[in-house]
């Protein structure tokens, strides 16, 4: 199966709520909407706190052995096609500033790769995405990975292109997979 896992372990904040922390370069407090739809106040210590109802279990879909039919749907984690699992979020790899590649390319060209569902990409994507939504699972894109270093790109242009891709392709969000941490640690990012 083409899924590799990385689960985010929830931590408890000072209010007793389950949270998942991610780093941020913003030093100011801001209001944000959490995964359960409630407004939260973000701390000013470079950490965004997202309140979650339950743990997030992440699966990267980075390769598949079948590029056609029901086996392909199973390998990208599609509910009712894939074995029952605890994963809550599925990230298709990879989106690059030059466009999608690998499994992300198949999703972007769903009318070709999932033509038995529909030869119209939007209809094929929405049909598959409906299975994820009904199972309360998120389908996302994973950006960059080991293929591209995002710190060497125009960040505003890159963010806008990535957001456009997510919206155009019926996805729930983005996983930033940057395999170049030395740029962040050295202050080059």
Protein backbone atom coordinates (compact mmCIF):
# COMPACT_ATOMS: atom_id res chain seq x y z
CA UNK A 1 0.00 0.00 0.00
CA UNK A 2 1.26 3.48 -0.81
CA UNK A 3 0.59 5.03 2.58
CA UNK A 4 3.19 5.90 5.18
CA UNK A 5 2.08 7.19 8.55
CA UNK A 6 3.06 9.95 10.91
CA UNK A 7 0.61 10.63 13.72
CA UNK A 8 0.46 13.93 15.54
CA UNK A 9 0.15 13.20 19.24
CA UNK A 10 -2.24 15.60 20.94
CA UNK A 11 -1.01 17.51 23.97
CA UNK A 12 -3.07 19.13 26.67
CA UNK A 13 -2.95 22.89 27.06
CA UNK A 14 -3.56 24.75 30.30
CA UNK A 15 -7.34 24.64 29.77
CA UNK A 16 -7.38 20.84 29.58
CA UNK A 17 -8.29 20.77 25.87
CA UNK A 18 -6.58 18.44 23.44
CA UNK A 19 -4.32 20.39 21.11
CA UNK A 20 -1.88 19.84 18.30
CA UNK A 21 0.94 22.36 18.02
CA UNK A 22 2.61 23.63 14.89
CA UNK A 23 5.32 26.25 14.65
CA UNK A 24 4.72 29.72 13.25
CA UNK A 25 6.92 32.67 12.38
CA UNK A 26 4.30 35.13 13.59
CA UNK A 27 5.15 36.62 17.00
CA UNK A 28 1.81 38.31 17.62
CA UNK A 29 -1.41 36.89 19.01
CA UNK A 30 -4.23 36.38 16.53
CA UNK A 31 -7.67 34.86 16.37
CA UNK A 32 -8.01 31.61 14.49
CA UNK A 33 -10.67 28.97 13.90
CA UNK A 34 -9.86 25.55 15.26
CA UNK A 35 -10.69 22.21 13.70
CA UNK A 36 -13.83 22.00 15.79
CA UNK A 37 -15.08 25.38 14.54
CA UNK A 38 -14.48 27.43 17.68
CA UNK A 39 -12.38 30.57 17.80
CA UNK A 40 -9.09 30.28 19.62
CA UNK A 41 -6.50 32.80 20.67
CA UNK A 42 -3.05 32.05 19.37
CA UNK A 43 -0.22 32.53 21.86
CA UNK A 44 2.61 34.95 21.12
CA UNK A 45 5.39 32.39 21.72
CA UNK A 46 5.77 31.33 18.05
CA UNK A 47 3.32 28.45 18.47
CA UNK A 48 -0.11 28.10 16.89
CA UNK A 49 -2.43 25.90 18.92
CA UNK A 50 -5.23 24.09 17.12
CA UNK A 51 -7.90 22.59 19.32
CA UNK A 52 -8.81 19.12 18.10
CA UNK A 53 -11.67 16.88 19.17
CA UNK A 54 -9.52 13.79 18.75
CA UNK A 55 -6.03 12.82 17.63
CA UNK A 56 -5.00 13.43 14.03
CA UNK A 57 -3.51 10.40 12.29
CA UNK A 58 -1.71 11.36 9.12
CA UNK A 59 -1.00 9.16 6.10
CA UNK A 60 1.28 10.20 3.25
CA UNK A 61 0.30 8.69 -0.07
CA UNK A 62 3.65 8.79 -1.81
CA UNK A 63 3.50 5.86 -4.20
CA UNK A 64 1.02 3.37 -5.52
CA UNK A 65 1.45 0.02 -7.23
CA UNK A 66 -1.73 0.29 -9.29
CA UNK A 67 -2.63 3.35 -11.35
CA UNK A 68 -6.07 2.21 -12.38
CA UNK A 69 -9.40 1.03 -11.00
CA UNK A 70 -10.50 0.15 -7.50
CA UNK A 71 -6.96 -0.84 -6.38
CA UNK A 72 -5.83 2.74 -7.07
CA UNK A 73 -8.72 4.12 -4.99
CA UNK A 74 -7.75 1.74 -2.18
CA UNK A 75 -4.10 2.76 -2.29
CA UNK A 76 -4.90 6.47 -1.90
CA UNK A 77 -6.95 5.59 1.19
CA UNK A 78 -10.46 6.08 -0.23
CA UNK A 79 -13.02 4.93 2.35
CA UNK A 80 -14.99 1.82 1.30
CA UNK A 81 -12.11 0.87 -1.04
CA UNK A 82 -9.23 0.91 1.46
CA UNK A 83 -9.09 -1.38 4.49
CA UNK A 84 -10.62 0.17 7.60
CA UNK A 85 -8.01 2.33 9.34
CA UNK A 86 -7.62 5.04 11.96
CA UNK A 87 -6.11 7.62 9.60
CA UNK A 88 -7.94 10.95 9.65
CA UNK A 89 -5.87 12.88 7.09
CA UNK A 90 -4.45 11.70 3.77
CA UNK A 91 -1.80 13.76 1.94
CA UNK A 92 -1.17 13.10 -1.75
CA UNK A 93 2.43 13.73 -2.79
CA UNK A 94 3.74 16.02 -4.25
CA UNK A 95 2.82 19.52 -5.35
CA UNK A 96 5.75 21.56 -6.66
CA UNK A 97 5.94 25.15 -7.87
CA UNK A 98 6.16 23.72 -11.40
CA UNK A 99 2.96 21.71 -10.85
CA UNK A 100 1.86 18.41 -9.36
CA UNK A 101 3.84 15.20 -9.67
CA UNK A 102 3.41 11.57 -8.65
CA UNK A 103 0.07 10.82 -6.93
CA UNK A 104 -0.80 14.54 -6.85
CA UNK A 105 -0.63 14.59 -10.66
CA UNK A 106 -3.09 11.70 -10.85
CA UNK A 107 -5.47 13.67 -8.62
CA UNK A 108 -5.06 16.84 -10.72
CA UNK A 109 -5.86 14.78 -13.82
CA UNK A 110 -8.61 12.69 -12.21
CA UNK A 111 -10.65 12.69 -15.43
CA UNK A 112 -7.88 10.57 -16.97
CA UNK A 113 -6.72 8.48 -14.00
CA UNK A 114 -10.26 7.88 -12.65
CA UNK A 115 -12.11 7.94 -15.97
CA UNK A 116 -14.28 4.93 -15.02
CA UNK A 117 -15.87 7.33 -12.49
CA UNK A 118 -16.02 10.27 -14.92
CA UNK A 119 -13.82 11.67 -17.65
CA UNK A 120 -14.53 15.10 -16.17
CA UNK A 121 -11.83 15.87 -13.58
CA UNK A 122 -14.10 17.95 -11.32
CA UNK A 123 -16.82 15.27 -11.23
CA UNK A 124 -14.31 12.46 -10.60
CA UNK A 125 -12.61 14.45 -7.79
CA UNK A 126 -15.90 15.40 -6.14
CA UNK A 127 -17.16 11.80 -6.30
CA UNK A 128 -14.02 10.44 -4.63
CA UNK A 129 -13.81 13.35 -2.18
CA UNK A 130 -17.41 12.66 -1.10
CA UNK A 131 -16.31 9.25 0.24
CA UNK A 132 -13.62 10.95 2.36
CA UNK A 133 -16.05 13.60 3.63
CA UNK A 134 -18.73 11.06 4.53
CA UNK A 135 -16.14 9.09 6.53
CA UNK A 136 -15.03 12.30 8.30
CA UNK A 137 -11.56 12.10 6.73
CA UNK A 138 -9.53 14.88 5.10
CA UNK A 139 -7.86 14.68 1.70
CA UNK A 140 -4.93 17.04 1.29
CA UNK A 141 -1.96 17.78 -0.92
CA UNK A 142 1.60 17.41 0.30
CA UNK A 143 3.90 20.11 -1.03
CA UNK A 144 7.62 19.96 -1.84
CA UNK A 145 8.99 16.87 -0.04
CA UNK A 146 12.53 15.90 -1.00
CA UNK A 147 12.04 17.18 -4.55
CA UNK A 148 11.96 20.96 -4.08
CA UNK A 149 13.29 23.44 -1.52
CA UNK A 150 10.51 25.98 -0.92
CA UNK A 151 12.82 28.38 0.94
CA UNK A 152 14.49 29.25 -2.36
CA UNK A 153 11.19 30.40 -3.95
CA UNK A 154 9.08 33.58 -3.80
CA UNK A 155 6.96 32.75 -0.75
CA UNK A 156 3.91 34.87 -1.68
CA UNK A 157 3.74 33.57 -5.24
CA UNK A 158 4.26 30.00 -4.04
CA UNK A 159 1.56 30.28 -1.36
CA UNK A 160 -0.92 31.73 -3.84
CA UNK A 161 -0.23 29.02 -6.44
CA UNK A 162 -0.58 26.32 -3.79
CA UNK A 163 -3.86 27.77 -2.47
CA UNK A 164 -5.23 27.97 -6.02
CA UNK A 165 -4.33 24.31 -6.58
CA UNK A 166 -6.12 23.24 -3.38
CA UNK A 167 -9.27 25.16 -4.29
CA UNK A 168 -9.31 24.09 -7.94
CA UNK A 169 -8.78 20.42 -7.05
CA UNK A 170 -11.39 19.95 -4.30
CA UNK A 171 -8.90 19.34 -1.50
CA UNK A 172 -9.20 20.03 2.23
CA UNK A 173 -5.79 21.59 2.77
CA UNK A 174 -2.03 21.38 2.54
CA UNK A 175 0.75 19.51 4.28
CA UNK A 176 4.05 21.37 3.94
CA UNK A 177 6.69 18.68 3.71
CA UNK A 178 10.00 20.55 3.72
CA UNK A 179 12.99 18.24 3.73
CA UNK A 180 15.44 21.13 4.05
CA UNK A 181 15.34 22.04 7.78
CA UNK A 182 18.89 23.38 7.72
CA UNK A 183 17.64 26.44 5.85
CA UNK A 184 15.16 27.19 8.61
CA UNK A 185 17.65 26.54 11.39
CA UNK A 186 20.34 28.70 9.76
CA UNK A 187 17.98 31.63 9.17
CA UNK A 188 18.23 31.36 5.36
CA UNK A 189 14.50 30.74 4.96
